[in-house]
Amino acid sequence: MKEDIEPIPEDIALMICEEIREYNREKKFSLAKVQCWGCMKYSNKKDDIRHRCIFSKENNRGCHLVNKIYDIKH
């Protein structure tokens, strides 16, 4: 594991988040799909994008799904 975790730029984090949601939408059932559903349901209920998981930790690293894709691609 990296000692200095690179921040994820907000626009890239949101783009990856959308890609993951689209990918999971096609699945019949998965834990990742449930995670995305809960994240979006909560942020929509609060009517604030800042309640998405990616914003729950410093450097936009609150969602392990987004972190994994970002770390592989970048």
Protein backbone atom coordinates (compact mmCIF):
# COMPACT_ATOMS: atom_id res chain seq x y z
CA MET A 1 0.00 0.00 0.00
CA LYS A 2 1.20 3.49 -0.82
CA GLU A 3 2.38 5.63 2.08
CA ASP A 4 1.44 8.90 0.37
CA ILE A 5 -1.95 8.35 -1.20
CA GLU A 6 -2.45 10.51 -4.24
CA PRO A 7 -5.58 12.70 -4.15
CA ILE A 8 -8.18 12.01 -6.82
CA PRO A 9 -9.23 15.14 -8.71
CA GLU A 10 -12.95 15.78 -8.16
CA ASP A 11 -13.89 15.66 -11.85
CA ILE A 12 -12.12 12.34 -12.32
CA ALA A 13 -13.63 10.89 -9.13
CA LEU A 14 -17.13 11.83 -10.32
CA MET A 15 -16.46 10.41 -13.80
CA ILE A 16 -15.24 7.09 -12.35
CA CYS A 17 -18.23 7.05 -9.98
CA GLU A 18 -20.62 7.37 -12.93
CA GLU A 19 -18.78 4.64 -14.88
CA ILE A 20 -19.03 2.27 -11.91
CA ARG A 21 -22.72 3.01 -11.46
CA GLU A 22 -23.42 2.31 -15.14
CA TYR A 23 -21.44 -0.93 -14.99
CA ASN A 24 -23.23 -2.07 -11.83
CA ARG A 25 -26.64 -1.14 -13.22
CA GLU A 26 -26.30 -4.06 -15.66
CA LYS A 27 -25.73 -6.60 -12.89
CA LYS A 28 -28.59 -8.55 -11.41
CA PHE A 29 -27.08 -8.41 -7.93
CA SER A 30 -23.72 -7.53 -6.42
CA LEU A 31 -22.47 -5.88 -3.25
CA ALA A 32 -20.98 -3.09 -5.37
CA LYS A 33 -24.41 -2.44 -6.90
CA VAL A 34 -25.97 -2.24 -3.44
CA GLN A 35 -23.20 0.12 -2.30
CA CYS A 36 -23.76 2.44 -5.27
CA TRP A 37 -27.52 2.34 -4.80
CA GLY A 38 -27.23 3.30 -1.12
CA CYS A 39 -24.72 6.05 -1.83
CA MET A 40 -26.91 7.62 -4.51
CA LYS A 41 -30.10 7.20 -2.52
CA TYR A 42 -28.56 9.01 0.46
CA SER A 43 -27.00 11.82 -1.59
CA ASN A 44 -30.26 12.33 -3.52
CA LYS A 45 -32.25 12.37 -0.28
CA LYS A 46 -29.96 15.09 1.06
CA ASP A 47 -30.12 16.80 -2.37
CA ASP A 48 -26.37 17.33 -2.18
CA ILE A 49 -23.73 15.61 -4.30
CA ARG A 50 -21.26 16.16 -1.44
CA HIS A 51 -22.96 13.32 0.46
CA ARG A 52 -21.63 10.73 -2.01
CA CYS A 53 -19.13 8.25 -0.59
CA ILE A 54 -16.23 9.67 -2.59
CA PHE A 55 -16.39 12.87 -0.56
CA SER A 56 -16.50 11.15 2.84
CA LYS A 57 -12.71 11.06 3.17
CA GLU A 58 -9.94 13.50 2.46
CA ASN A 59 -8.70 13.76 -1.13
CA ASN A 60 -11.93 12.29 -2.60
CA ARG A 61 -10.88 8.81 -1.45
CA GLY A 62 -14.06 7.76 0.39
CA CYS A 63 -15.23 5.10 -2.08
CA HIS A 64 -13.08 1.99 -2.36
CA LEU A 65 -14.58 1.22 -5.80
CA VAL A 66 -13.49 4.59 -7.20
CA ASN A 67 -10.09 4.31 -5.46
CA LYS A 68 -9.43 0.92 -7.01
CA ILE A 69 -10.18 2.06 -10.58
CA TYR A 70 -8.22 5.30 -10.16
CA ASP A 71 -5.17 3.50 -8.76
CA ILE A 72 -5.19 1.01 -11.65
CA LYS A 73 -5.62 3.59 -14.42
CA HIS A 74 -3.47 6.39 -13.04
